[in-house]
Amino acid sequence: MFVKAPEPGRVKTRLAAVIGDANAAELYRAFLTDLIERFRQTGDRRVLAYSPADDMTREFFRQLAGGDYDLWPQPDADLGTRMQTFFETFGPEPVVLIGSDSPTLPDESPAAAFELLERTDVVLGPATDGGLYLIGLNQRRRTWPIFNRIDWSTSRVLQQVLQRLLQEHALVEVLPPWYDIDEPADLDVLRGHLLAFRLSQGEHSSDSPATRAALELLPELDVLAGEG
């Protein structure tokens, strides 16, 4: 899992433009708490790839994750290079990488990706904004050059990665779409989703108690807009 230190002004900057740096950082901290808890037992080995690569950030994630995750500092490079280095470091066995922008991502998603990688080369989890919430690679046969010359953090990511994989004749499986929380409007989607969990019967792997608690401390966006 790619993670960042929840420092005000450095995470969720598009949300921060509306809810403030401190609130955005606390909300992202809640995302981390829920995701780390949800995936403690997923896979044979779990890794938090943290940024920035300093001692304070490492200690923060050591305390948050306990002994269930290994810690790996992301190199000082662009996103594509950091991801490529991650897969090179932990391959050639099947590796699944998720981000930390989807606090309700079901625990079934990485598990399904690992299962699919037993018979395919690449598994992608498409985000509803045109990006990716998951990349899984089986590098036993070869490496897959899908990280360079991609417009990361744009709506073109999924299309560009799929075009590259088509050129490489890769076997690809695609998971159901899921959503990231990046824009102020995404908070309404998240609130609605979490409310649906509370009203429905039974437990849900996507339920996110820390995120719900953090959201309850935020004013509704229409109230914020009215005050502006």
Protein backbone atom coordinates (compact mmCIF):
# COMPACT_ATOMS: atom_id res chain seq x y z
CA MET A 1 0.00 0.00 0.00
CA PHE A 2 1.34 3.44 -0.97
CA VAL A 3 0.88 5.83 1.96
CA LYS A 4 1.88 9.36 2.93
CA ALA A 5 2.45 11.03 6.26
CA PRO A 6 -0.81 12.86 7.11
CA GLU A 7 0.79 16.28 7.32
CA PRO A 8 -1.41 19.38 6.88
CA GLY A 9 -0.75 21.05 3.55
CA ARG A 10 0.83 17.94 2.01
CA VAL A 11 -2.10 15.54 1.65
CA LYS A 12 -5.56 15.83 0.09
CA THR A 13 -4.82 19.33 -1.16
CA ARG A 14 -7.93 19.56 -3.34
CA LEU A 15 -10.09 18.72 -0.34
CA ALA A 16 -8.07 21.12 1.79
CA ALA A 17 -9.04 23.99 -0.47
CA VAL A 18 -12.58 23.62 0.92
CA ILE A 19 -12.27 21.95 4.35
CA GLY A 20 -8.86 23.32 5.37
CA ASP A 21 -5.41 21.73 5.66
CA ALA A 22 -5.88 20.40 9.20
CA ASN A 23 -9.25 18.78 8.46
CA ALA A 24 -7.93 17.23 5.25
CA ALA A 25 -4.95 15.77 7.10
CA GLU A 26 -7.16 14.32 9.86
CA LEU A 27 -9.49 12.81 7.30
CA TYR A 28 -6.58 11.20 5.46
CA ARG A 29 -5.25 9.87 8.78
CA ALA A 30 -8.63 8.19 9.22
CA PHE A 31 -8.36 6.68 5.72
CA LEU A 32 -5.01 5.19 6.72
CA THR A 33 -6.37 3.81 9.97
CA ASP A 34 -9.27 2.03 8.27
CA LEU A 35 -7.26 0.65 5.36
CA ILE A 36 -4.38 -0.61 7.49
CA GLU A 37 -6.82 -2.33 9.84
CA ARG A 38 -8.84 -3.87 6.99
CA PHE A 39 -5.90 -5.45 5.19
CA ARG A 40 -3.88 -6.75 8.17
CA GLN A 41 -4.41 -10.35 7.10
CA THR A 42 -4.34 -9.97 3.31
CA GLY A 43 -1.65 -11.79 1.36
CA ASP A 44 1.47 -13.55 2.57
CA ARG A 45 3.28 -10.27 3.17
CA ARG A 46 2.01 -6.75 3.66
CA VAL A 47 4.11 -3.65 2.97
CA LEU A 48 3.51 0.03 3.65
CA ALA A 49 5.46 2.05 1.10
CA TYR A 50 5.71 5.34 2.93
CA SER A 51 6.54 8.91 1.95
CA PRO A 52 8.42 11.04 2.82
CA ALA A 53 11.27 8.63 3.51
CA ASP A 54 12.30 10.04 6.88
CA ASP A 55 12.56 8.62 10.40
CA MET A 56 9.51 10.48 11.71
CA THR A 57 7.26 9.08 8.99
CA ARG A 58 8.62 5.58 9.48
CA GLU A 59 7.95 5.75 13.21
CA PHE A 60 4.42 7.04 12.62
CA PHE A 61 3.57 4.07 10.41
CA ARG A 62 5.37 1.62 12.68
CA GLN A 63 3.10 2.63 15.52
CA LEU A 64 -0.02 2.67 13.35
CA ALA A 65 0.60 -0.69 11.69
CA GLY A 66 2.27 -2.65 14.46
CA GLY A 67 4.00 -5.84 13.37
CA ASP A 68 1.57 -6.80 10.62
CA TYR A 69 3.25 -4.73 7.90
CA ASP A 70 6.79 -4.29 6.67
CA LEU A 71 7.86 -0.70 6.03
CA TRP A 72 9.52 0.43 2.81
CA PRO A 73 10.58 4.03 2.08
CA GLN A 74 9.51 5.31 -1.31
CA PRO A 75 12.43 6.71 -3.32
CA ASP A 76 12.61 10.40 -4.16
CA ALA A 77 11.24 10.17 -7.70
CA ASP A 78 8.07 10.63 -9.76
CA LEU A 79 5.10 8.36 -9.05
CA GLY A 80 5.70 6.05 -11.99
CA THR A 81 9.32 5.44 -10.99
CA ARG A 82 8.34 4.85 -7.37
CA MET A 83 5.79 2.23 -8.36
CA GLN A 84 8.17 0.55 -10.79
CA THR A 85 10.82 0.36 -8.06
CA PHE A 86 8.27 -1.13 -5.67
CA PHE A 87 7.39 -3.95 -8.06
CA GLU A 88 11.05 -4.57 -8.87
CA THR A 89 11.84 -4.77 -5.16
CA PHE A 90 9.10 -7.22 -4.20
CA GLY A 91 8.78 -9.28 -7.42
CA PRO A 92 9.01 -11.49 -9.34
CA GLU A 93 6.29 -13.18 -7.27
CA PRO A 94 2.80 -11.73 -7.82
CA VAL A 95 2.52 -8.31 -6.18
CA VAL A 96 -0.61 -6.21 -5.65
CA LEU A 97 -0.32 -2.48 -5.02
CA ILE A 98 -3.16 -0.32 -3.74
CA GLY A 99 -3.28 3.36 -2.89
CA SER A 100 -4.70 5.01 0.20
CA ASP A 101 -7.32 7.25 -1.43
CA SER A 102 -10.17 4.71 -1.27
CA PRO A 103 -11.10 4.27 2.40
CA THR A 104 -14.04 1.96 1.63
CA LEU A 105 -12.14 -0.37 -0.70
CA PRO A 106 -13.43 -3.90 0.09
CA ASP A 107 -10.98 -6.41 1.48
CA GLU A 108 -12.07 -8.75 -1.33
CA SER A 109 -10.39 -6.59 -3.97
CA PRO A 110 -6.71 -7.40 -3.27
CA ALA A 111 -7.63 -11.02 -2.55
CA ALA A 112 -9.40 -11.28 -5.91
CA ALA A 113 -6.37 -9.72 -7.62
CA PHE A 114 -4.00 -12.30 -6.13
CA GLU A 115 -6.30 -15.10 -7.27
CA LEU A 116 -6.47 -13.70 -10.80
CA LEU A 117 -2.69 -13.32 -10.95
CA GLU A 118 -2.39 -17.09 -10.76
CA ARG A 119 -3.54 -17.22 -14.39
CA THR A 120 -2.94 -13.76 -15.85
CA ASP A 121 -0.17 -11.18 -16.19
CA VAL A 122 -1.77 -7.97 -14.97
CA VAL A 123 -4.78 -7.07 -12.84
CA LEU A 124 -6.11 -3.50 -12.80
CA GLY A 125 -8.62 -1.87 -10.49
CA PRO A 126 -10.10 1.09 -12.37
CA ALA A 127 -11.12 4.14 -10.37
CA THR A 128 -14.24 6.02 -11.39
CA ASP A 129 -12.17 9.15 -12.07
CA GLY A 130 -10.19 7.44 -14.83
CA GLY A 131 -7.26 6.44 -12.64
CA LEU A 132 -6.39 3.20 -10.86
CA TYR A 133 -6.97 2.09 -7.30
CA LEU A 134 -5.08 -1.21 -7.72
CA ILE A 135 -2.31 -2.63 -9.87
CA GLY A 136 -1.35 -6.29 -9.68
CA LEU A 137 1.58 -7.75 -11.61
CA ASN A 138 2.76 -11.30 -12.12
CA GLN A 139 6.40 -10.81 -13.16
CA ARG A 140 7.44 -14.47 -13.24
CA ARG A 141 7.42 -14.44 -17.04
CA ARG A 142 8.64 -10.90 -17.68
CA THR A 143 8.47 -7.35 -16.42
CA TRP A 144 5.74 -5.04 -17.67
CA PRO A 145 6.81 -1.54 -18.76
CA ILE A 146 3.67 0.33 -17.78
CA PHE A 147 5.00 3.02 -15.47
CA ASN A 148 6.88 5.40 -17.76
CA ARG A 149 5.26 8.03 -20.00
CA ILE A 150 1.92 7.78 -18.19
CA ASP A 151 0.08 10.94 -17.13
CA TRP A 152 -0.29 9.84 -13.53
CA SER A 153 -2.93 11.54 -11.36
CA THR A 154 -5.08 12.37 -14.39
CA SER A 155 -8.24 10.89 -15.91
CA ARG A 156 -6.11 9.39 -18.72
CA VAL A 157 -4.24 6.88 -16.56
CA LEU A 158 -6.43 3.81 -17.12
CA GLN A 159 -6.65 4.34 -20.88
CA GLN A 160 -2.90 4.90 -21.26
CA VAL A 161 -1.97 1.87 -19.15
CA LEU A 162 -4.36 -0.38 -21.08
CA GLN A 163 -2.97 0.87 -24.39
CA ARG A 164 0.55 0.07 -23.20
CA LEU A 165 -0.50 -3.42 -22.10
CA LEU A 166 -2.19 -3.99 -25.47
CA GLN A 167 1.08 -3.15 -27.20
CA GLU A 168 2.91 -5.59 -24.91
CA HIS A 169 0.38 -8.40 -25.58
CA ALA A 170 -0.22 -8.84 -21.87
CA LEU A 171 -3.00 -10.95 -20.39
CA VAL A 172 -5.12 -8.51 -18.40
CA GLU A 173 -8.00 -8.86 -15.95
CA VAL A 174 -9.99 -5.88 -14.70
CA LEU A 175 -11.70 -5.63 -11.31
CA PRO A 176 -14.99 -3.78 -10.72
CA PRO A 177 -14.60 0.01 -10.57
CA TRP A 178 -14.24 1.77 -7.22
CA TYR A 179 -13.90 5.38 -6.21
CA ASP A 180 -11.16 7.57 -4.74
CA ILE A 181 -11.74 10.50 -2.42
CA ASP A 182 -9.89 13.46 -3.92
CA GLU A 183 -12.38 16.20 -4.72
CA PRO A 184 -14.82 18.00 -2.38
CA ALA A 185 -17.79 16.45 -4.20
CA ASP A 186 -16.40 12.99 -3.41
CA LEU A 187 -17.20 13.58 0.26
CA ASP A 188 -20.92 13.44 -0.53
CA VAL A 189 -20.43 10.07 -2.21
CA LEU A 190 -18.47 8.82 0.79
CA ARG A 191 -21.06 10.05 3.29
CA GLY A 192 -23.83 8.34 1.35
CA HIS A 193 -21.90 5.08 1.08
CA LEU A 194 -21.12 4.97 4.80
CA LEU A 195 -24.74 5.77 5.65
CA ALA A 196 -25.84 2.86 3.47
CA PHE A 197 -23.60 0.55 5.49
CA ARG A 198 -25.20 1.73 8.73
CA LEU A 199 -28.75 1.24 7.44
CA SER A 200 -28.23 -2.16 5.85
CA GLN A 201 -28.17 -5.43 7.74
CA GLY A 202 -24.97 -7.28 8.56
CA GLU A 203 -21.31 -6.36 8.53
CA HIS A 204 -19.51 -4.93 5.51
CA SER A 205 -15.83 -5.25 4.74
CA SER A 206 -15.93 -1.71 3.34
CA ASP A 207 -17.22 -0.13 6.54
CA SER A 208 -14.77 2.52 7.72
CA PRO A 209 -15.35 3.56 11.34
CA ALA A 210 -12.41 5.96 11.62
CA THR A 211 -13.39 7.69 8.39
CA ARG A 212 -17.01 7.95 9.52
CA ALA A 213 -15.94 9.54 12.80
CA ALA A 214 -13.70 12.03 11.00
CA LEU A 215 -16.48 12.96 8.57
CA GLU A 216 -18.88 13.63 11.43
CA LEU A 217 -16.53 16.36 12.63
CA LEU A 218 -16.71 18.15 9.28
CA PRO A 219 -19.49 20.56 8.31
CA GLU A 220 -21.52 19.77 5.23
CA LEU A 221 -20.01 21.27 2.07
CA ASP A 222 -23.10 23.33 1.28
CA VAL A 223 -22.79 24.97 4.70
CA LEU A 224 -19.16 25.79 3.98
CA ALA A 225 -20.08 27.25 0.60
CA GLY A 226 -22.82 29.35 2.16
CA GLU A 227 -20.43 30.80 4.69
CA GLY A 228 -18.02 31.75 1.89
